[in-house]
Structure formats: structure tokens, C-alpha cells
Amino acid sequence: MSLEIPTRAELGEILKKSKRIAVVGLSDNPDRTSYMVSKAMQDAGYEIIPVNPTIDETLGEKAVKSLKDIKGHIDIVNVFRRSEHLMDVAKDFVEIDADVFWSQIGCVSEEAYDFLKSRDNIVVMDRCIKVEHALTK
């Protein structure tokens, strides 16, 4: 499978203009990767919106059950779910009209990628947002 991921320069531009990141699968456990990555992005000045039906809050932010529960525009939807869940998240993503669908390292779904690209969405898969942010500063 060959995914056309934006270049590092394009990722840098995406991160520069983005302010609000909805994090699907964000844990309230500080030992989890989703927490560590989201905390780093929050510390870098991004507004983090936790999307997880199993928690009330994390990183000092109230959690929502789904992307559709978020008020206002979302710049990036950052996904920390297993690959088999990406299609469900992609369907919600299309409904909320966010700018960028971004799944973390190891999270890839050709079905979700094709679904999103066929609708002209910007799709980043198998990349760590924290790493890309550090490399494009």
C-alpha cells in the first residue's frame, strides 16, 4: 500500500496554521503514548480536545464522547486508535468537516485513506504529530 503523505514542509505548514486538535482515543493515563504526545502538543500551545467515551477529562480538559460532540471548528483530528477503527473515525471526521485527518505511527487503513482522499481531505497516517512538530519548528 502506498500512501501519499504530505511532505515534511507541508506538515510544518499544517502544524503552523493549526490551533485546535481533537485527539481520538486520548487516555487519562500519563504512561500512555496518547497522553504524552497530547501533553507535549498542549505545552506547545495547541488546544487539545480529548475524544474518549470512557473518561471524563484529561490534561485539564473535559472529554467528549465523539467528534460530533465538539463545538466549533477542528483543525486536526489526531487518532490514537487501532487501525481497524480508523474507518469509523474517518466517517465521523467527514461529518464534522475538520481540516486534517492524522493517525499515529502504526495506525494505517487503506480503506479509510481511500475514503478520505476521495473526498479531497488531507490525510496523514503512520506519523507522530509530536515528532513532526519537533522536526518542523
N, C-alpha and C. Protein backbone atom coordinates (compact mmCIF):
# COMPACT_ATOMS: atom_id res chain seq x y z
N MET A 1 0.84 -1.18 0.00
CA MET A 1 0.00 0.00 0.00
C MET A 1 0.89 1.24 0.00
N SER A 2 0.55 2.17 -0.85
CA SER A 2 1.35 3.38 -0.92
C SER A 2 0.48 4.59 -0.60
N LEU A 3 0.77 5.19 0.53
CA LEU A 3 0.02 6.36 0.96
C LEU A 3 0.77 7.61 0.55
N GLU A 4 0.07 8.57 0.02
CA GLU A 4 0.69 9.84 -0.30
C GLU A 4 0.52 10.76 0.90
N ILE A 5 1.58 10.83 1.69
CA ILE A 5 1.57 11.64 2.90
C ILE A 5 2.15 13.02 2.54
N PRO A 6 1.60 14.09 3.12
CA PRO A 6 2.20 15.41 2.86
C PRO A 6 3.70 15.41 3.20
N THR A 7 4.46 16.23 2.50
CA THR A 7 5.90 16.33 2.76
C THR A 7 6.13 16.92 4.14
N ARG A 8 7.35 16.83 4.63
CA ARG A 8 7.67 17.41 5.94
C ARG A 8 7.39 18.91 5.94
N ALA A 9 7.70 19.59 4.84
CA ALA A 9 7.42 21.03 4.75
C ALA A 9 5.92 21.29 4.82
N GLU A 10 5.14 20.47 4.12
CA GLU A 10 3.68 20.61 4.16
C GLU A 10 3.14 20.32 5.56
N LEU A 11 3.71 19.32 6.22
CA LEU A 11 3.29 19.02 7.60
C LEU A 11 3.60 20.21 8.50
N GLY A 12 4.74 20.84 8.28
CA GLY A 12 5.12 22.02 9.05
C GLY A 12 4.11 23.14 8.88
N GLU A 13 3.65 23.34 7.64
CA GLU A 13 2.65 24.38 7.36
C GLU A 13 1.33 24.04 8.04
N ILE A 14 0.93 22.78 7.98
CA ILE A 14 -0.30 22.34 8.63
C ILE A 14 -0.22 22.64 10.13
N LEU A 15 0.90 22.28 10.74
CA LEU A 15 1.05 22.47 12.19
C LEU A 15 1.13 23.95 12.56
N LYS A 16 1.73 24.76 11.70
CA LYS A 16 1.83 26.20 11.96
C LYS A 16 0.47 26.88 11.98
N LYS A 17 -0.40 26.49 11.05
CA LYS A 17 -1.69 27.19 10.96
C LYS A 17 -2.77 26.56 11.85
N SER A 18 -2.50 25.42 12.42
CA SER A 18 -3.49 24.72 13.25
C SER A 18 -3.44 25.20 14.70
N LYS A 19 -4.62 25.22 15.33
CA LYS A 19 -4.71 25.62 16.74
C LYS A 19 -5.43 24.58 17.59
N ARG A 20 -6.46 23.94 17.01
CA ARG A 20 -7.29 23.01 17.78
C ARG A 20 -7.10 21.60 17.27
N ILE A 21 -6.73 20.69 18.20
CA ILE A 21 -6.52 19.29 17.86
C ILE A 21 -7.47 18.43 18.69
N ALA A 22 -8.35 17.71 18.00
CA ALA A 22 -9.20 16.73 18.68
C ALA A 22 -8.43 15.41 18.67
N VAL A 23 -8.25 14.82 19.85
CA VAL A 23 -7.46 13.59 19.96
C VAL A 23 -8.38 12.42 20.28
N VAL A 24 -8.61 11.58 19.26
CA VAL A 24 -9.49 10.42 19.41
C VAL A 24 -8.70 9.29 20.08
N GLY A 25 -9.21 8.82 21.22
CA GLY A 25 -8.52 7.76 21.95
C GLY A 25 -7.53 8.29 22.97
N LEU A 26 -7.63 9.58 23.30
CA LEU A 26 -6.73 10.18 24.30
C LEU A 26 -7.01 9.57 25.67
N SER A 27 -5.97 9.05 26.29
CA SER A 27 -6.08 8.40 27.60
C SER A 27 -5.87 9.43 28.72
N ASP A 28 -6.38 9.10 29.90
CA ASP A 28 -6.09 9.92 31.08
C ASP A 28 -4.93 9.31 31.88
N ASN A 29 -4.28 8.30 31.32
CA ASN A 29 -3.14 7.65 31.96
C ASN A 29 -1.84 8.28 31.45
N PRO A 30 -1.09 8.97 32.34
CA PRO A 30 0.13 9.65 31.91
C PRO A 30 1.20 8.73 31.30
N ASP A 31 1.07 7.42 31.50
CA ASP A 31 2.04 6.48 30.92
C ASP A 31 1.71 6.10 29.48
N ARG A 32 0.54 6.47 28.99
CA ARG A 32 0.14 6.11 27.62
C ARG A 32 0.69 7.10 26.61
N THR A 33 1.03 6.60 25.45
CA THR A 33 1.58 7.44 24.39
C THR A 33 0.64 8.59 24.03
N SER A 34 -0.65 8.31 23.94
CA SER A 34 -1.61 9.36 23.57
C SER A 34 -1.56 10.53 24.55
N TYR A 35 -1.38 10.23 25.82
CA TYR A 35 -1.29 11.28 26.85
C TYR A 35 0.00 12.08 26.68
N MET A 36 1.11 11.37 26.54
CA MET A 36 2.42 12.04 26.44
C MET A 36 2.50 12.94 25.20
N VAL A 37 2.04 12.42 24.08
CA VAL A 37 2.07 13.19 22.83
C VAL A 37 1.14 14.41 22.94
N SER A 38 -0.06 14.20 23.45
CA SER A 38 -1.03 15.29 23.56
C SER A 38 -0.57 16.35 24.56
N LYS A 39 0.06 15.93 25.65
CA LYS A 39 0.59 16.87 26.63
C LYS A 39 1.67 17.74 25.99
N ALA A 40 2.54 17.13 25.19
CA ALA A 40 3.59 17.89 24.50
C ALA A 40 2.98 18.91 23.55
N MET A 41 1.94 18.51 22.83
CA MET A 41 1.29 19.43 21.89
C MET A 41 0.56 20.55 22.66
N GLN A 42 -0.05 20.20 23.79
CA GLN A 42 -0.70 21.20 24.62
C GLN A 42 0.34 22.20 25.14
N ASP A 43 1.47 21.68 25.59
CA ASP A 43 2.55 22.53 26.09
C ASP A 43 3.11 23.43 24.99
N ALA A 44 2.98 23.00 23.73
CA ALA A 44 3.45 23.80 22.60
C ALA A 44 2.43 24.85 22.17
N GLY A 45 1.28 24.89 22.86
CA GLY A 45 0.31 25.94 22.60
C GLY A 45 -0.96 25.53 21.87
N TYR A 46 -1.11 24.25 21.59
CA TYR A 46 -2.32 23.80 20.90
C TYR A 46 -3.44 23.55 21.91
N GLU A 47 -4.68 23.81 21.48
CA GLU A 47 -5.83 23.43 22.28
C GLU A 47 -6.11 21.96 22.00
N ILE A 48 -6.14 21.16 23.05
CA ILE A 48 -6.38 19.72 22.92
C ILE A 48 -7.80 19.41 23.39
N ILE A 49 -8.53 18.67 22.55
CA ILE A 49 -9.88 18.24 22.90
C ILE A 49 -9.88 16.71 22.97
N PRO A 50 -9.98 16.16 24.19
CA PRO A 50 -9.99 14.70 24.33
C PRO A 50 -11.29 14.10 23.80
N VAL A 51 -11.17 13.07 22.97
CA VAL A 51 -12.34 12.35 22.45
C VAL A 51 -12.21 10.90 22.91
N ASN A 52 -12.96 10.58 23.97
CA ASN A 52 -12.88 9.24 24.55
C ASN A 52 -14.12 9.04 25.42
N PRO A 53 -15.00 8.11 25.04
CA PRO A 53 -16.24 7.91 25.81
C PRO A 53 -16.02 7.28 27.18
N THR A 54 -14.82 6.82 27.47
CA THR A 54 -14.59 6.11 28.73
C THR A 54 -13.98 6.98 29.83
N ILE A 55 -13.69 8.26 29.53
CA ILE A 55 -13.11 9.14 30.56
C ILE A 55 -13.92 10.44 30.63
N ASP A 56 -13.80 11.14 31.76
CA ASP A 56 -14.48 12.43 31.93
C ASP A 56 -13.60 13.59 31.52
N GLU A 57 -12.30 13.49 31.85
CA GLU A 57 -11.38 14.55 31.48
C GLU A 57 -9.94 14.04 31.53
N THR A 58 -9.08 14.79 30.86
CA THR A 58 -7.64 14.52 30.89
C THR A 58 -6.93 15.79 30.46
N LEU A 59 -5.72 15.97 30.92
CA LEU A 59 -4.92 17.15 30.61
C LEU A 59 -5.66 18.45 30.96
N GLY A 60 -6.56 18.37 31.97
CA GLY A 60 -7.31 19.54 32.39
C GLY A 60 -8.43 19.92 31.44
N GLU A 61 -8.75 19.05 30.49
CA GLU A 61 -9.81 19.32 29.51
C GLU A 61 -10.93 18.29 29.65
N LYS A 62 -12.17 18.77 29.54
CA LYS A 62 -13.31 17.87 29.58
C LYS A 62 -13.33 17.01 28.31
N ALA A 63 -13.52 15.72 28.48
CA ALA A 63 -13.56 14.80 27.33
C ALA A 63 -14.97 14.80 26.72
N VAL A 64 -15.01 14.57 25.40
CA VAL A 64 -16.28 14.37 24.70
C VAL A 64 -16.34 12.92 24.25
N LYS A 65 -17.55 12.44 24.03
CA LYS A 65 -17.72 11.03 23.65
C LYS A 65 -17.37 10.76 22.19
N SER A 66 -17.63 11.75 21.31
CA SER A 66 -17.32 11.54 19.90
C SER A 66 -16.97 12.86 19.25
N LEU A 67 -16.39 12.79 18.06
CA LEU A 67 -16.04 14.00 17.32
C LEU A 67 -17.26 14.89 17.11
N LYS A 68 -18.43 14.26 16.93
CA LYS A 68 -19.64 15.02 16.65
C LYS A 68 -20.11 15.85 17.85
N ASP A 69 -19.54 15.61 19.04
CA ASP A 69 -19.91 16.37 20.23
C ASP A 69 -19.09 17.64 20.41
N ILE A 70 -18.16 17.91 19.52
CA ILE A 70 -17.28 19.07 19.65
C ILE A 70 -17.94 20.29 19.02
N LYS A 71 -17.91 21.38 19.76
CA LYS A 71 -18.44 22.66 19.25
C LYS A 71 -17.29 23.42 18.57
N GLY A 72 -17.58 24.03 17.44
CA GLY A 72 -16.57 24.84 16.77
C GLY A 72 -15.71 24.02 15.83
N HIS A 73 -14.88 24.74 15.07
CA HIS A 73 -14.04 24.11 14.04
C HIS A 73 -12.84 23.37 14.63
N ILE A 74 -12.51 22.24 14.03
CA ILE A 74 -11.33 21.46 14.43
C ILE A 74 -10.33 21.49 13.28
N ASP A 75 -9.09 21.82 13.61
CA ASP A 75 -8.04 21.86 12.59
C ASP A 75 -7.51 20.47 12.28
N ILE A 76 -7.17 19.71 13.33
CA ILE A 76 -6.59 18.37 13.15
C ILE A 76 -7.34 17.38 14.04
N VAL A 77 -7.68 16.24 13.46
CA VAL A 77 -8.17 15.11 14.24
C VAL A 77 -7.01 14.13 14.30
N ASN A 78 -6.45 13.97 15.50
CA ASN A 78 -5.30 13.09 15.71
C ASN A 78 -5.81 11.79 16.35
N VAL A 79 -5.56 10.66 15.69
CA VAL A 79 -6.20 9.41 16.09
C VAL A 79 -5.21 8.44 16.76
N PHE A 80 -5.56 8.05 17.97
CA PHE A 80 -4.83 7.02 18.71
C PHE A 80 -5.76 5.83 18.91
N ARG A 81 -6.15 5.22 17.83
CA ARG A 81 -6.97 4.00 17.87
C ARG A 81 -6.30 2.99 16.96
N ARG A 82 -6.62 1.71 17.18
CA ARG A 82 -6.06 0.66 16.31
C ARG A 82 -6.56 0.86 14.89
N SER A 83 -5.78 0.38 13.96
CA SER A 83 -6.07 0.57 12.53
C SER A 83 -7.48 0.15 12.14
N GLU A 84 -8.00 -0.92 12.75
CA GLU A 84 -9.33 -1.40 12.35
C GLU A 84 -10.44 -0.41 12.73
N HIS A 85 -10.14 0.58 13.57
CA HIS A 85 -11.14 1.58 13.95
C HIS A 85 -11.05 2.86 13.11
N LEU A 86 -10.05 2.96 12.25
CA LEU A 86 -9.84 4.21 11.51
C LEU A 86 -11.00 4.55 10.58
N MET A 87 -11.64 3.56 9.98
CA MET A 87 -12.74 3.84 9.07
C MET A 87 -13.91 4.50 9.80
N ASP A 88 -14.23 4.01 11.00
CA ASP A 88 -15.31 4.62 11.79
C ASP A 88 -14.97 6.07 12.12
N VAL A 89 -13.72 6.31 12.50
CA VAL A 89 -13.31 7.68 12.82
C VAL A 89 -13.35 8.55 11.56
N ALA A 90 -12.94 7.98 10.43
CA ALA A 90 -12.96 8.72 9.16
C ALA A 90 -14.38 9.17 8.80
N LYS A 91 -15.36 8.32 9.04
CA LYS A 91 -16.76 8.68 8.75
C LYS A 91 -17.21 9.86 9.62
N ASP A 92 -16.86 9.83 10.91
CA ASP A 92 -17.19 10.95 11.80
C ASP A 92 -16.43 12.21 11.36
N PHE A 93 -15.18 12.04 10.96
CA PHE A 93 -14.34 13.15 10.51
C PHE A 93 -15.01 13.90 9.36
N VAL A 94 -15.51 13.16 8.39
CA VAL A 94 -16.16 13.76 7.22
C VAL A 94 -17.39 14.57 7.65
N GLU A 95 -18.11 14.06 8.64
CA GLU A 95 -19.33 14.74 9.10
C GLU A 95 -19.05 16.06 9.79
N ILE A 96 -17.89 16.19 10.45
CA ILE A 96 -17.61 17.42 11.20
C ILE A 96 -16.81 18.43 10.38
N ASP A 97 -16.37 18.06 9.20
CA ASP A 97 -15.66 18.97 8.31
C ASP A 97 -14.39 19.56 8.94
N ALA A 98 -13.60 18.72 9.56
CA ALA A 98 -12.30 19.16 10.09
C ALA A 98 -11.31 19.27 8.93
N ASP A 99 -10.15 19.84 9.19
CA ASP A 99 -9.18 20.10 8.11
C ASP A 99 -8.27 18.91 7.79
N VAL A 100 -7.73 18.26 8.83
CA VAL A 100 -6.70 17.24 8.62
C VAL A 100 -7.00 16.00 9.45
N PHE A 101 -6.96 14.84 8.81
CA PHE A 101 -7.08 13.55 9.50
C PHE A 101 -5.67 13.02 9.70
N TRP A 102 -5.28 12.77 10.94
CA TRP A 102 -3.90 12.39 11.24
C TRP A 102 -3.92 11.17 12.16
N SER A 103 -3.35 10.06 11.73
CA SER A 103 -3.26 8.89 12.61
C SER A 103 -1.80 8.63 12.97
N GLN A 104 -1.62 8.16 14.17
CA GLN A 104 -0.28 8.00 14.74
C GLN A 104 0.50 6.83 14.11
N ILE A 105 1.75 6.72 14.48
CA ILE A 105 2.63 5.66 13.99
C ILE A 105 1.98 4.30 14.23
N GLY A 106 1.96 3.48 13.20
CA GLY A 106 1.40 2.14 13.30
C GLY A 106 -0.09 2.09 12.99
N CYS A 107 -0.73 3.25 12.85
CA CYS A 107 -2.17 3.30 12.56
C CYS A 107 -2.38 3.61 11.09
N VAL A 108 -2.72 2.58 10.31
CA VAL A 108 -2.90 2.73 8.87
C VAL A 108 -4.12 1.92 8.43
N SER A 109 -4.93 2.53 7.59
CA SER A 109 -6.06 1.83 6.99
C SER A 109 -6.20 2.32 5.56
N GLU A 110 -5.97 1.43 4.62
CA GLU A 110 -6.10 1.79 3.21
C GLU A 110 -7.54 2.20 2.91
N GLU A 111 -8.49 1.49 3.51
CA GLU A 111 -9.91 1.80 3.30
C GLU A 111 -10.22 3.23 3.77
N ALA A 112 -9.79 3.58 4.96
CA ALA A 112 -10.04 4.93 5.49
C ALA A 112 -9.30 5.98 4.65
N TYR A 113 -8.08 5.67 4.26
CA TYR A 113 -7.29 6.59 3.44
C TYR A 113 -8.01 6.88 2.12
N ASP A 114 -8.42 5.83 1.42
CA ASP A 114 -9.10 6.00 0.13
C ASP A 114 -10.43 6.76 0.30
N PHE A 115 -11.16 6.43 1.36
CA PHE A 115 -12.43 7.09 1.66
C PHE A 115 -12.22 8.60 1.83
N LEU A 116 -11.21 8.97 2.61
CA LEU A 116 -10.94 10.38 2.88
C LEU A 116 -10.37 11.11 1.66
N LYS A 117 -9.44 10.48 0.96
CA LYS A 117 -8.82 11.11 -0.22
C LYS A 117 -9.85 11.31 -1.33
N SER A 118 -10.80 10.40 -1.45
CA SER A 118 -11.83 10.53 -2.49
C SER A 118 -12.71 11.76 -2.22
N ARG A 119 -12.66 12.28 -1.00
CA ARG A 119 -13.41 13.48 -0.63
C ARG A 119 -12.48 14.69 -0.49
N ASP A 120 -11.26 14.55 -1.04
CA ASP A 120 -10.27 15.64 -1.06
C ASP A 120 -9.83 16.09 0.33
N ASN A 121 -9.83 15.17 1.30
CA ASN A 121 -9.33 15.51 2.62
C ASN A 121 -7.81 15.37 2.68
N ILE A 122 -7.20 16.14 3.56
CA ILE A 122 -5.76 15.98 3.84
C ILE A 122 -5.64 14.83 4.83
N VAL A 123 -4.82 13.84 4.47
CA VAL A 123 -4.69 12.65 5.30
C VAL A 123 -3.21 12.40 5.62
N VAL A 124 -2.93 12.23 6.91
CA VAL A 124 -1.59 11.87 7.38
C VAL A 124 -1.76 10.58 8.16
N MET A 125 -1.05 9.53 7.76
CA MET A 125 -1.11 8.27 8.50
C MET A 125 0.30 7.79 8.83
N ASP A 126 0.39 7.08 9.95
CA ASP A 126 1.65 6.45 10.34
C ASP A 126 2.74 7.48 10.63
N ARG A 127 2.34 8.63 11.20
CA ARG A 127 3.28 9.68 11.59
C ARG A 127 2.93 10.17 12.99
N CYS A 128 3.95 10.46 13.78
CA CYS A 128 3.73 11.01 15.12
C CYS A 128 3.68 12.53 15.03
N ILE A 129 2.58 13.12 15.47
CA ILE A 129 2.40 14.56 15.39
C ILE A 129 3.44 15.30 16.24
N LYS A 130 3.81 14.72 17.38
CA LYS A 130 4.81 15.35 18.25
C LYS A 130 6.17 15.38 17.57
N VAL A 131 6.56 14.27 16.94
CA VAL A 131 7.83 14.20 16.23
C VAL A 131 7.84 15.19 15.07
N GLU A 132 6.77 15.20 14.28
CA GLU A 132 6.71 16.12 13.14
C GLU A 132 6.75 17.56 13.60
N HIS A 133 6.09 17.86 14.71
CA HIS A 133 6.11 19.23 15.25
C HIS A 133 7.53 19.61 15.64
N ALA A 134 8.24 18.70 16.29
CA ALA A 134 9.62 18.98 16.71
C ALA A 134 10.55 19.17 15.49
N LEU A 135 10.31 18.40 14.44
CA LEU A 135 11.18 18.46 13.26
C LEU A 135 10.88 19.64 12.35
N THR A 136 9.71 20.24 12.50
CA THR A 136 9.33 21.32 11.57
C THR A 136 9.32 22.68 12.24
N LYS A 137 9.76 22.77 13.47
CA LYS A 137 9.77 24.05 14.18
C LYS A 137 10.67 25.04 13.49
